[in-house]
Amino acid sequence: MSGRIPQSFIDDLINRSDIVEVIDTRVPLKKAGREYHACCPFHNEKTPSFTVSPTKQFYHCFGCGAHGTVISFLMEYENLDFIEALKELSSSVGMELPQSEGFNPSAPRVDKSVTQSLYDVMARADQFFQQQLRQHPQAPQAVEYLKQRGLSGEIARDYGIGFSPPGWDNLIKALAPTPPKQLLDAGLVIEKEDKGSFYDRFRERIMFPIRDQRGRVIAFGGRILGDGKPKYLNSPETDLFHKGKELYGLFEARQTLKQIEQIIVVEGYMDVVALAQFGVRNVVATLGTAVTEDHLNQLFRTCSEVIFCFDG
């Protein structure tokens, strides 16, 4: 893929980018002479061996051997492919990514504007659910449930817990004039069998936003209030969300803990937030699925020790 973008553009992009600034926004760096040091984000260590050189525009870890340019750092740290890393970096420095050589106009492409609109819709839905937990007339029932589970307002805030009120079209109305088809693509509504009409997927549930490694909401999990079925309801697979690749709570763990030596893997959202309430923040959930290779790759990029703690 890299051969399709002119090497001259890649070189110019690297030269225009401030590798220290890019890395420091993700991994706090400390200046040491002409270079910058930090504990490596790609393996577990207590003594900083990760070095960034602004003059060479290069990073190197003397502990695990990870090294490269600002592009390879974004690919590894953000779990991006080469083109995605180029897009993010070029956007940040005001450069326009050139059209790949050998471009085939008939080949299927991902419309960036469509993808971004899905992220925007999910962010608005997240805001709506959190607002409902504070303001909806039936919110006290949801708050009482969280209190009974021993959860504080601080934990609810840290994990962005919300509430989807009863009713068939609360979210549809709140996000208007967003087309229902776009809400369908985001996994937020369900299309009725007679086609052409839609209703909210999540109703009368405690809502848990699922975030990607960059903190963007890509899906939701909902826990029913009361004894209804299903007890837990997840977003369906979408262009943003692939259940076998995501770990609930990983972004929050990284935000709270600068250095993660060990991760505990549990089954569900409530397991994660319940442990967080007791100060155990190095916990993630597999969203009720079997552990996949993608899960393991993410886990061992974050820490060196993984403990599985599933229901018996």
C-alpha atoms as a PDB file:
ATOM      1  CA  MET A   1       0.000   0.000   0.000  1.00  0.00           C
ATOM      2  CA  SER A   2       2.866   2.372   0.826  1.00  0.00           C
ATOM      3  CA  GLY A   3       4.168   2.141  -2.742  1.00  0.00           C
ATOM      4  CA  ARG A   4       1.002   3.802  -4.025  1.00  0.00           C
ATOM      5  CA  ILE A   5       1.697   7.069  -2.215  1.00  0.00           C
ATOM      6  CA  PRO A   6       4.653   9.070  -3.613  1.00  0.00           C
ATOM      7  CA  GLN A   7       7.686   8.666  -1.372  1.00  0.00           C
ATOM      8  CA  SER A   8       8.342  12.385  -1.722  1.00  0.00           C
ATOM      9  CA  PHE A   9       4.993  13.101  -0.044  1.00  0.00           C
ATOM     10  CA  ILE A  10       5.745  10.673   2.793  1.00  0.00           C
ATOM     11  CA  ASP A  11       9.163  12.254   3.384  1.00  0.00           C
ATOM     12  CA  ASP A  12       7.667  15.753   3.348  1.00  0.00           C
ATOM     13  CA  LEU A  13       4.923  14.691   5.757  1.00  0.00           C
ATOM     14  CA  ILE A  14       7.468  13.295   8.216  1.00  0.00           C
ATOM     15  CA  ASN A  15       9.591  16.443   7.991  1.00  0.00           C
ATOM     16  CA  ARG A  16       6.612  18.734   8.598  1.00  0.00           C
ATOM     17  CA  SER A  17       5.373  16.723  11.566  1.00  0.00           C
ATOM     18  CA  ASP A  18       6.651  17.305  15.082  1.00  0.00           C
ATOM     19  CA  ILE A  19       7.251  13.771  16.321  1.00  0.00           C
ATOM     20  CA  VAL A  20       7.702  15.013  19.887  1.00  0.00           C
ATOM     21  CA  GLU A  21       4.343  16.782  19.877  1.00  0.00           C
ATOM     22  CA  VAL A  22       2.536  13.815  18.302  1.00  0.00           C
ATOM     23  CA  ILE A  23       3.943  11.305  20.784  1.00  0.00           C
ATOM     24  CA  ASP A  24       3.751  13.600  23.829  1.00  0.00           C
ATOM     25  CA  THR A  25      -0.021  14.015  23.426  1.00  0.00           C
ATOM     26  CA  ARG A  26      -0.303  10.238  23.831  1.00  0.00           C
ATOM     27  CA  VAL A  27       2.708   9.316  25.980  1.00  0.00           C
ATOM     28  CA  PRO A  28       4.048  12.004  28.371  1.00  0.00           C
ATOM     29  CA  LEU A  29       7.676  12.715  27.466  1.00  0.00           C
ATOM     30  CA  LYS A  30      10.477  14.192  29.580  1.00  0.00           C
ATOM     31  CA  LYS A  31      13.294  16.180  27.995  1.00  0.00           C
ATOM     32  CA  ALA A  32      16.766  14.726  28.533  1.00  0.00           C
ATOM     33  CA  GLY A  33      19.401  16.723  26.693  1.00  0.00           C
ATOM     34  CA  ARG A  34      18.589  16.782  23.004  1.00  0.00           C
ATOM     35  CA  GLU A  35      16.179  13.867  23.276  1.00  0.00           C
ATOM     36  CA  TYR A  36      12.992  12.956  25.110  1.00  0.00           C
ATOM     37  CA  HIS A  37      12.413   9.885  27.264  1.00  0.00           C
ATOM     38  CA  ALA A  38       9.397   7.923  28.526  1.00  0.00           C
ATOM     39  CA  CYS A  39       8.369   4.472  29.615  1.00  0.00           C
ATOM     40  CA  CYS A  40       7.685   2.534  26.444  1.00  0.00           C
ATOM     41  CA  PRO A  41       3.998   2.358  25.461  1.00  0.00           C
ATOM     42  CA  PHE A  42       4.593  -0.918  23.614  1.00  0.00           C
ATOM     43  CA  HIS A  43       5.827  -3.053  26.489  1.00  0.00           C
ATOM     44  CA  ASN A  44       5.715  -3.042  30.265  1.00  0.00           C
ATOM     45  CA  GLU A  45       8.653  -1.366  32.001  1.00  0.00           C
ATOM     46  CA  LYS A  46       9.394   0.737  35.076  1.00  0.00           C
ATOM     47  CA  THR A  47      12.613   2.399  33.904  1.00  0.00           C
ATOM     48  CA  PRO A  48      12.197   4.628  30.823  1.00  0.00           C
ATOM     49  CA  SER A  49      13.952   3.187  27.788  1.00  0.00           C
ATOM     50  CA  PHE A  50      11.791   4.807  25.103  1.00  0.00           C
ATOM     51  CA  THR A  51      13.662   7.641  23.355  1.00  0.00           C
ATOM     52  CA  VAL A  52      12.397  10.225  20.883  1.00  0.00           C
ATOM     53  CA  SER A  53      14.805  12.270  18.778  1.00  0.00           C
ATOM     54  CA  PRO A  54      13.363  15.499  17.305  1.00  0.00           C
ATOM     55  CA  THR A  55      16.436  16.005  15.107  1.00  0.00           C
ATOM     56  CA  LYS A  56      16.271  12.521  13.612  1.00  0.00           C
ATOM     57  CA  GLN A  57      12.426  12.450  13.658  1.00  0.00           C
ATOM     58  CA  PHE A  58      12.714   8.946  15.055  1.00  0.00           C
ATOM     59  CA  TYR A  59      11.790   6.963  18.156  1.00  0.00           C
ATOM     60  CA  HIS A  60      13.508   3.905  19.581  1.00  0.00           C
ATOM     61  CA  CYS A  61      12.930   1.676  22.596  1.00  0.00           C
ATOM     62  CA  PHE A  62      16.073   0.071  23.990  1.00  0.00           C
ATOM     63  CA  GLY A  63      13.932  -2.364  25.934  1.00  0.00           C
ATOM     64  CA  CYS A  64      11.751  -4.014  23.290  1.00  0.00           C
ATOM     65  CA  GLY A  65      13.351  -2.681  20.116  1.00  0.00           C
ATOM     66  CA  ALA A  66      10.298  -0.788  18.868  1.00  0.00           C
ATOM     67  CA  HIS A  67      11.401   2.000  16.557  1.00  0.00           C
ATOM     68  CA  GLY A  68      10.329   4.077  13.598  1.00  0.00           C
ATOM     69  CA  THR A  69       8.982   7.371  12.354  1.00  0.00           C
ATOM     70  CA  VAL A  70       5.960   9.340  13.479  1.00  0.00           C
ATOM     71  CA  ILE A  71       3.907   7.350  10.950  1.00  0.00           C
ATOM     72  CA  SER A  72       4.867   3.957  12.342  1.00  0.00           C
ATOM     73  CA  PHE A  73       4.211   5.238  15.865  1.00  0.00           C
ATOM     74  CA  LEU A  74       0.634   6.176  14.974  1.00  0.00           C
ATOM     75  CA  MET A  75       0.111   2.829  13.271  1.00  0.00           C
ATOM     76  CA  GLU A  76       1.287   0.886  16.302  1.00  0.00           C
ATOM     77  CA  TYR A  77      -0.142   3.057  19.075  1.00  0.00           C
ATOM     78  CA  GLU A  78      -3.516   3.878  17.486  1.00  0.00           C
ATOM     79  CA  ASN A  79      -3.844   0.506  15.735  1.00  0.00           C
ATOM     80  CA  LEU A  80      -4.155   2.218  12.338  1.00  0.00           C
ATOM     81  CA  ASP A  81      -3.190   0.915   8.934  1.00  0.00           C
ATOM     82  CA  PHE A  82      -0.656   2.837   6.841  1.00  0.00           C
ATOM     83  CA  ILE A  83      -3.155   4.930   4.890  1.00  0.00           C
ATOM     84  CA  GLU A  84      -5.167   5.753   8.029  1.00  0.00           C
ATOM     85  CA  ALA A  85      -1.999   6.970   9.747  1.00  0.00           C
ATOM     86  CA  LEU A  86      -1.116   9.099   6.719  1.00  0.00           C
ATOM     87  CA  LYS A  87      -4.601  10.618   6.698  1.00  0.00           C
ATOM     88  CA  GLU A  88      -4.524  11.518  10.381  1.00  0.00           C
ATOM     89  CA  LEU A  89      -1.029  12.980  10.206  1.00  0.00           C
ATOM     90  CA  SER A  90      -1.559  14.910   6.980  1.00  0.00           C
ATOM     91  CA  SER A  91      -4.769  16.388   8.367  1.00  0.00           C
ATOM     92  CA  SER A  92      -2.964  17.583  11.495  1.00  0.00           C
ATOM     93  CA  VAL A  93      -0.321  19.485   9.504  1.00  0.00           C
ATOM     94  CA  GLY A  94      -2.661  20.821   6.823  1.00  0.00           C
ATOM     95  CA  MET A  95      -1.463  18.643   3.950  1.00  0.00           C
ATOM     96  CA  GLU A  96      -3.776  16.949   1.466  1.00  0.00           C
ATOM     97  CA  LEU A  97      -3.201  13.248   0.976  1.00  0.00           C
ATOM     98  CA  PRO A  98      -2.526  12.652  -2.741  1.00  0.00           C
ATOM     99  CA  GLN A  99      -4.548  10.143  -4.727  1.00  0.00           C
ATOM    100  CA  SER A 100      -2.926   6.725  -4.689  1.00  0.00           C
ATOM    101  CA  GLU A 101      -1.207   5.729  -7.907  1.00  0.00           C
ATOM    102  CA  GLY A 102      -3.049   3.120  -9.917  1.00  0.00           C
ATOM    103  CA  PHE A 103      -6.362   4.173  -8.426  1.00  0.00           C
ATOM    104  CA  ASN A 104      -9.327   2.236  -9.751  1.00  0.00           C
ATOM    105  CA  PRO A 105     -12.473   4.411  -9.707  1.00  0.00           C
ATOM    106  CA  SER A 106     -14.705   1.341  -9.919  1.00  0.00           C
ATOM    107  CA  ALA A 107     -13.212  -0.213  -6.793  1.00  0.00           C
ATOM    108  CA  PRO A 108     -15.286   0.064  -3.612  1.00  0.00           C
ATOM    109  CA  ARG A 109     -14.153   2.868  -1.325  1.00  0.00           C
ATOM    110  CA  VAL A 110     -14.956   3.942   2.193  1.00  0.00           C
ATOM    111  CA  ASP A 111     -16.444   7.430   2.139  1.00  0.00           C
ATOM    112  CA  LYS A 112     -14.601   9.301   4.876  1.00  0.00           C
ATOM    113  CA  SER A 113     -17.445  11.778   5.281  1.00  0.00           C
ATOM    114  CA  VAL A 114     -19.916   8.938   5.825  1.00  0.00           C
ATOM    115  CA  THR A 115     -17.659   7.301   8.407  1.00  0.00           C
ATOM    116  CA  GLN A 116     -17.138  10.583  10.227  1.00  0.00           C
ATOM    117  CA  SER A 117     -20.876  11.205  10.247  1.00  0.00           C
ATOM    118  CA  LEU A 118     -21.331   7.872  12.042  1.00  0.00           C
ATOM    119  CA  TYR A 119     -18.824   8.925  14.701  1.00  0.00           C
ATOM    120  CA  ASP A 120     -20.707  12.204  15.059  1.00  0.00           C
ATOM    121  CA  VAL A 121     -24.046  10.415  15.432  1.00  0.00           C
ATOM    122  CA  MET A 122     -22.617   8.073  18.069  1.00  0.00           C
ATOM    123  CA  ALA A 123     -21.180  11.020  20.006  1.00  0.00           C
ATOM    124  CA  ARG A 124     -24.564  12.758  19.994  1.00  0.00           C
ATOM    125  CA  ALA A 125     -26.310   9.572  21.103  1.00  0.00           C
ATOM    126  CA  ASP A 126     -23.803   9.241  23.934  1.00  0.00           C
ATOM    127  CA  GLN A 127     -24.548  12.802  25.055  1.00  0.00           C
ATOM    128  CA  PHE A 128     -28.288  12.098  24.904  1.00  0.00           C
ATOM    129  CA  PHE A 129     -28.060   8.964  27.065  1.00  0.00           C
ATOM    130  CA  GLN A 130     -25.885  10.687  29.671  1.00  0.00           C
ATOM    131  CA  GLN A 131     -28.275  13.637  29.754  1.00  0.00           C
ATOM    132  CA  GLN A 132     -31.238  11.309  30.298  1.00  0.00           C
ATOM    133  CA  LEU A 133     -29.546   9.773  33.326  1.00  0.00           C
ATOM    134  CA  ARG A 134     -29.469  13.245  34.869  1.00  0.00           C
ATOM    135  CA  GLN A 135     -32.763  14.722  33.690  1.00  0.00           C
ATOM    136  CA  HIS A 136     -35.377  12.164  32.606  1.00  0.00           C
ATOM    137  CA  PRO A 137     -38.381  11.760  34.957  1.00  0.00           C
ATOM    138  CA  GLN A 138     -37.656   8.022  35.232  1.00  0.00           C
ATOM    139  CA  ALA A 139     -33.912   8.515  35.717  1.00  0.00           C
ATOM    140  CA  PRO A 140     -34.163   8.048  39.523  1.00  0.00           C
ATOM    141  CA  GLN A 141     -35.005   4.390  38.882  1.00  0.00           C
ATOM    142  CA  ALA A 142     -31.792   3.999  36.888  1.00  0.00           C
ATOM    143  CA  VAL A 143     -29.758   5.920  39.467  1.00  0.00           C
ATOM    144  CA  GLU A 144     -31.167   3.756  42.244  1.00  0.00           C
ATOM    145  CA  TYR A 145     -30.177   0.618  40.335  1.00  0.00           C
ATOM    146  CA  LEU A 146     -26.601   1.899  40.006  1.00  0.00           C
ATOM    147  CA  LYS A 147     -26.508   2.742  43.714  1.00  0.00           C
ATOM    148  CA  GLN A 148     -27.757  -0.736  44.595  1.00  0.00           C
ATOM    149  CA  ARG A 149     -24.857  -2.117  42.586  1.00  0.00           C
ATOM    150  CA  GLY A 150     -22.528   0.031  44.666  1.00  0.00           C
ATOM    151  CA  LEU A 151     -21.610   2.478  41.912  1.00  0.00           C
ATOM    152  CA  SER A 152     -20.857   6.117  42.638  1.00  0.00           C
ATOM    153  CA  GLY A 153     -21.562   9.144  40.503  1.00  0.00           C
ATOM    154  CA  GLU A 154     -17.824   9.442  39.892  1.00  0.00           C
ATOM    155  CA  ILE A 155     -17.614   5.994  38.296  1.00  0.00           C
ATOM    156  CA  ALA A 156     -20.744   6.667  36.245  1.00  0.00           C
ATOM    157  CA  ARG A 157     -19.097   9.844  34.988  1.00  0.00           C
ATOM    158  CA  ASP A 158     -15.701   8.248  34.288  1.00  0.00           C
ATOM    159  CA  TYR A 159     -17.287   5.509  32.178  1.00  0.00           C
ATOM    160  CA  GLY A 160     -19.942   7.725  30.603  1.00  0.00           C
ATOM    161  CA  ILE A 161     -22.833   5.607  31.870  1.00  0.00           C
ATOM    162  CA  GLY A 162     -26.224   6.780  30.643  1.00  0.00           C
ATOM    163  CA  PHE A 163     -29.903   5.880  30.459  1.00  0.00           C
ATOM    164  CA  SER A 164     -32.153   5.078  27.512  1.00  0.00           C
ATOM    165  CA  PRO A 165     -35.691   5.993  28.600  1.00  0.00           C
ATOM    166  CA  PRO A 166     -38.791   3.915  27.820  1.00  0.00           C
ATOM    167  CA  GLY A 167     -40.492   4.706  24.546  1.00  0.00           C
ATOM    168  CA  TRP A 168     -40.053   3.803  20.910  1.00  0.00           C
ATOM    169  CA  ASP A 169     -38.607   6.955  19.385  1.00  0.00           C
ATOM    170  CA  ASN A 170     -36.906   9.088  22.050  1.00  0.00           C
ATOM    171  CA  LEU A 171     -33.503   8.882  20.404  1.00  0.00           C
ATOM    172  CA  ILE A 172     -34.911   9.321  16.902  1.00  0.00           C
ATOM    173  CA  LYS A 173     -36.576  12.558  17.997  1.00  0.00           C
ATOM    174  CA  ALA A 174     -33.533  13.756  19.937  1.00  0.00           C
ATOM    175  CA  LEU A 175     -31.197  13.279  16.974  1.00  0.00           C
ATOM    176  CA  ALA A 176     -33.567  14.758  14.376  1.00  0.00           C
ATOM    177  CA  PRO A 177     -33.156  15.744  11.617  1.00  0.00           C
ATOM    178  CA  THR A 178     -30.591  12.921  11.302  1.00  0.00           C
ATOM    179  CA  PRO A 179     -32.066  10.474   8.750  1.00  0.00           C
ATOM    180  CA  PRO A 180     -33.255   7.209  10.341  1.00  0.00           C
ATOM    181  CA  LYS A 181     -31.197   5.324   7.743  1.00  0.00           C
ATOM    182  CA  GLN A 182     -28.056   6.848   9.223  1.00  0.00           C
ATOM    183  CA  LEU A 183     -29.188   5.834  12.699  1.00  0.00           C
ATOM    184  CA  LEU A 184     -29.732   2.336  11.318  1.00  0.00           C
ATOM    185  CA  ASP A 185     -26.182   2.280   9.922  1.00  0.00           C
ATOM    186  CA  ALA A 186     -24.931   3.312  13.361  1.00  0.00           C
ATOM    187  CA  GLY A 187     -26.861   0.454  15.000  1.00  0.00           C
ATOM    188  CA  LEU A 188     -29.033   2.799  17.058  1.00  0.00           C
ATOM    189  CA  VAL A 189     -32.427   1.908  15.593  1.00  0.00           C
ATOM    190  CA  ILE A 190     -34.214  -1.129  14.186  1.00  0.00           C
ATOM    191  CA  GLU A 191     -36.228  -1.146  10.973  1.00  0.00           C
ATOM    192  CA  LYS A 192     -39.739  -2.549  11.263  1.00  0.00           C
ATOM    193  CA  GLU A 193     -40.740  -5.525   9.151  1.00  0.00           C
ATOM    194  CA  ASP A 194     -43.032  -3.391   7.018  1.00  0.00           C
ATOM    195  CA  LYS A 195     -39.929  -1.353   6.073  1.00  0.00           C
ATOM    196  CA  GLY A 196     -39.753   2.388   5.960  1.00  0.00           C
ATOM    197  CA  SER A 197     -40.312   2.955   9.675  1.00  0.00           C
ATOM    198  CA  PHE A 198     -37.889   2.621  12.588  1.00  0.00           C
ATOM    199  CA  TYR A 199     -37.780   2.434  16.377  1.00  0.00           C
ATOM    200  CA  ASP A 200     -35.078   2.889  19.024  1.00  0.00           C
ATOM    201  CA  ARG A 201     -32.942  -0.201  19.615  1.00  0.00           C
ATOM    202  CA  PHE A 202     -32.234   0.659  23.261  1.00  0.00           C
ATOM    203  CA  ARG A 203     -35.212   1.310  25.535  1.00  0.00           C
ATOM    204  CA  GLU A 204     -35.340   1.492  29.340  1.00  0.00           C
ATOM    205  CA  ARG A 205     -31.736   0.405  29.792  1.00  0.00           C
ATOM    206  CA  ILE A 206     -28.597   1.460  31.625  1.00  0.00           C
ATOM    207  CA  MET A 207     -26.269   2.458  28.794  1.00  0.00           C
ATOM    208  CA  PHE A 208     -22.548   1.730  28.558  1.00  0.00           C
ATOM    209  CA  PRO A 209     -20.664   3.444  25.720  1.00  0.00           C
ATOM    210  CA  ILE A 210     -18.014   1.311  24.038  1.00  0.00           C
ATOM    211  CA  ARG A 211     -15.010   3.327  22.874  1.00  0.00           C
ATOM    212  CA  ASP A 212     -12.226   2.631  20.422  1.00  0.00           C
ATOM    213  CA  GLN A 213      -8.568   3.184  21.259  1.00  0.00           C
ATOM    214  CA  ARG A 214      -8.926   6.870  20.434  1.00  0.00           C
ATOM    215  CA  GLY A 215     -11.854   7.332  22.804  1.00  0.00           C
ATOM    216  CA  ARG A 216     -14.544   7.626  20.143  1.00  0.00           C
ATOM    217  CA  VAL A 217     -17.887   5.984  20.911  1.00  0.00           C
ATOM    218  CA  ILE A 218     -18.410   3.169  18.405  1.00  0.00           C
ATOM    219  CA  ALA A 219     -21.164   1.126  20.064  1.00  0.00           C
ATOM    220  CA  PHE A 220     -23.304   0.720  23.160  1.00  0.00           C
ATOM    221  CA  GLY A 221     -24.248  -1.984  25.572  1.00  0.00           C
ATOM    222  CA  GLY A 222     -27.516  -1.741  27.473  1.00  0.00           C
ATOM    223  CA  ARG A 223     -28.557  -3.456  30.712  1.00  0.00           C
ATOM    224  CA  ILE A 224     -32.324  -3.763  31.108  1.00  0.00           C
ATOM    225  CA  LEU A 225     -33.956  -2.244  34.177  1.00  0.00           C
ATOM    226  CA  GLY A 226     -36.064  -4.926  35.780  1.00  0.00           C
ATOM    227  CA  ASP A 227     -36.497  -8.507  34.651  1.00  0.00           C
ATOM    228  CA  GLY A 228     -37.054  -8.018  30.921  1.00  0.00           C
ATOM    229  CA  LYS A 229     -35.225  -9.891  28.198  1.00  0.00           C
ATOM    230  CA  PRO A 230     -32.617  -9.785  26.898  1.00  0.00           C
ATOM    231  CA  LYS A 231     -30.808  -8.793  30.066  1.00  0.00           C
ATOM    232  CA  TYR A 232     -27.944  -7.292  28.064  1.00  0.00           C
ATOM    233  CA  LEU A 233     -28.241  -5.865  24.575  1.00  0.00           C
ATOM    234  CA  ASN A 234     -25.269  -4.873  22.420  1.00  0.00           C
ATOM    235  CA  SER A 235     -25.029  -2.768  19.302  1.00  0.00           C
ATOM    236  CA  PRO A 236     -24.933  -4.866  16.125  1.00  0.00           C
ATOM    237  CA  GLU A 237     -21.876  -5.052  13.891  1.00  0.00           C
ATOM    238  CA  THR A 238     -21.434  -1.789  11.995  1.00  0.00           C
ATOM    239  CA  ASP A 239     -18.756  -0.063   9.947  1.00  0.00           C
ATOM    240  CA  LEU A 240     -17.427   1.293  13.254  1.00  0.00           C
ATOM    241  CA  PHE A 241     -17.971  -1.666  15.563  1.00  0.00           C
ATOM    242  CA  HIS A 242     -16.648  -5.210  15.260  1.00  0.00           C
ATOM    243  CA  LYS A 243     -17.384  -7.075  18.455  1.00  0.00           C
ATOM    244  CA  GLY A 244     -14.517  -9.535  18.154  1.00  0.00           C
ATOM    245  CA  LYS A 245     -11.997  -6.697  18.040  1.00  0.00           C
ATOM    246  CA  GLU A 246     -13.120  -4.445  20.885  1.00  0.00           C
ATOM    247  CA  LEU A 247     -12.538  -4.536  24.633  1.00  0.00           C
ATOM    248  CA  TYR A 248     -14.828  -2.548  26.890  1.00  0.00           C
ATOM    249  CA  GLY A 249     -12.904  -0.423  29.370  1.00  0.00           C
ATOM    250  CA  LEU A 250      -9.506  -0.499  27.650  1.00  0.00           C
ATOM    251  CA  PHE A 251      -9.605   3.175  26.718  1.00  0.00           C
ATOM    252  CA  GLU A 252     -10.710   4.133  30.233  1.00  0.00           C
ATOM    253  CA  ALA A 253      -7.937   2.007  31.764  1.00  0.00           C
ATOM    254  CA  ARG A 254      -5.324   3.713  29.617  1.00  0.00           C
ATOM    255  CA  GLN A 255      -6.699   7.121  30.553  1.00  0.00           C
ATOM    256  CA  THR A 256      -6.516   6.363  34.267  1.00  0.00           C
ATOM    257  CA  LEU A 257      -3.297   4.350  34.426  1.00  0.00           C
ATOM    258  CA  LYS A 258      -0.203   5.730  32.732  1.00  0.00           C
ATOM    259  CA  GLN A 259       1.586   2.405  32.979  1.00  0.00           C
ATOM    260  CA  ILE A 260      -0.354  -0.861  32.909  1.00  0.00           C
ATOM    261  CA  GLU A 261       1.541  -3.923  34.081  1.00  0.00           C
ATOM    262  CA  GLN A 262      -1.402  -6.316  34.239  1.00  0.00           C
ATOM    263  CA  ILE A 263      -4.918  -6.493  32.813  1.00  0.00           C
ATOM    264  CA  ILE A 264      -7.843  -8.458  34.214  1.00  0.00           C
ATOM    265  CA  VAL A 265     -10.301  -9.663  31.577  1.00  0.00           C
ATOM    266  CA  VAL A 266     -13.920 -10.145  32.664  1.00  0.00           C
ATOM    267  CA  GLU A 267     -17.160 -10.832  30.824  1.00  0.00           C
ATOM    268  CA  GLY A 268     -19.390  -7.796  31.118  1.00  0.00           C
ATOM    269  CA  TYR A 269     -19.700  -4.060  31.599  1.00  0.00           C
ATOM    270  CA  MET A 270     -20.972  -4.309  35.170  1.00  0.00           C
ATOM    271  CA  ASP A 271     -17.961  -6.430  36.120  1.00  0.00           C
ATOM    272  CA  VAL A 272     -15.646  -3.687  34.837  1.00  0.00           C
ATOM    273  CA  VAL A 273     -17.345  -0.778  36.589  1.00  0.00           C
ATOM    274  CA  ALA A 274     -17.899  -2.749  39.811  1.00  0.00           C
ATOM    275  CA  LEU A 275     -14.168  -3.419  40.092  1.00  0.00           C
ATOM    276  CA  ALA A 276     -13.408   0.182  39.144  1.00  0.00           C
ATOM    277  CA  GLN A 277     -15.541   1.263  42.091  1.00  0.00           C
ATOM    278  CA  PHE A 278     -13.049  -0.525  44.355  1.00  0.00           C
ATOM    279  CA  GLY A 279     -10.080   1.130  42.688  1.00  0.00           C
ATOM    280  CA  VAL A 280      -9.245  -1.713  40.323  1.00  0.00           C
ATOM    281  CA  ARG A 281      -8.987   0.132  37.021  1.00  0.00           C
ATOM    282  CA  ASN A 282      -6.921  -2.327  34.972  1.00  0.00           C
ATOM    283  CA  VAL A 283     -10.026  -4.277  33.919  1.00  0.00           C
ATOM    284  CA  VAL A 284     -11.585  -4.860  30.500  1.00  0.00           C
ATOM    285  CA  ALA A 285     -14.505  -6.928  29.213  1.00  0.00           C
ATOM    286  CA  THR A 286     -14.851  -9.028  26.074  1.00  0.00           C
ATOM    287  CA  LEU A 287     -18.510  -8.064  25.621  1.00  0.00           C
ATOM    288  CA  GLY A 288     -19.670 -11.597  26.249  1.00  0.00           C
ATOM    289  CA  THR A 289     -17.781 -13.112  23.320  1.00  0.00           C
ATOM    290  CA  ALA A 290     -15.001 -15.658  23.244  1.00  0.00           C
ATOM    291  CA  VAL A 291     -11.508 -14.176  23.393  1.00  0.00           C
ATOM    292  CA  THR A 292     -10.207 -13.600  19.873  1.00  0.00           C
ATOM    293  CA  GLU A 293      -6.741 -13.177  18.412  1.00  0.00           C
ATOM    294  CA  ASP A 294      -7.476  -9.466  17.989  1.00  0.00           C
ATOM    295  CA  HIS A 295      -8.300  -9.235  21.695  1.00  0.00           C
ATOM    296  CA  LEU A 296      -5.031 -10.919  22.635  1.00  0.00           C
ATOM    297  CA  ASN A 297      -3.018  -8.667  20.342  1.00  0.00           C
ATOM    298  CA  GLN A 298      -4.525  -5.578  21.972  1.00  0.00           C
ATOM    299  CA  LEU A 299      -3.970  -6.927  25.459  1.00  0.00           C
ATOM    300  CA  PHE A 300      -0.326  -7.841  25.019  1.00  0.00           C
ATOM    301  CA  ARG A 301       0.428  -4.562  23.298  1.00  0.00           C
ATOM    302  CA  THR A 302      -0.757  -2.931  26.501  1.00  0.00           C
ATOM    303  CA  CYS A 303       0.781  -5.117  29.196  1.00  0.00           C
ATOM    304  CA  SER A 304       2.831  -8.252  29.791  1.00  0.00           C
ATOM    305  CA  GLU A 305       0.437 -10.130  32.070  1.00  0.00           C
ATOM    306  CA  VAL A 306      -3.219 -10.967  31.439  1.00  0.00           C
ATOM    307  CA  ILE A 307      -5.565 -12.601  33.947  1.00  0.00           C
ATOM    308  CA  PHE A 308      -8.881 -14.050  32.769  1.00  0.00           C
ATOM    309  CA  CYS A 309     -11.689 -13.927  35.317  1.00  0.00           C
ATOM    310  CA  PHE A 310     -14.869 -15.202  33.677  1.00  0.00           C
ATOM    311  CA  ASP A 311     -18.102 -16.345  35.292  1.00  0.00           C
ATOM    312  CA  GLY A 312     -18.103 -19.996  36.227  1.00  0.00           C
END
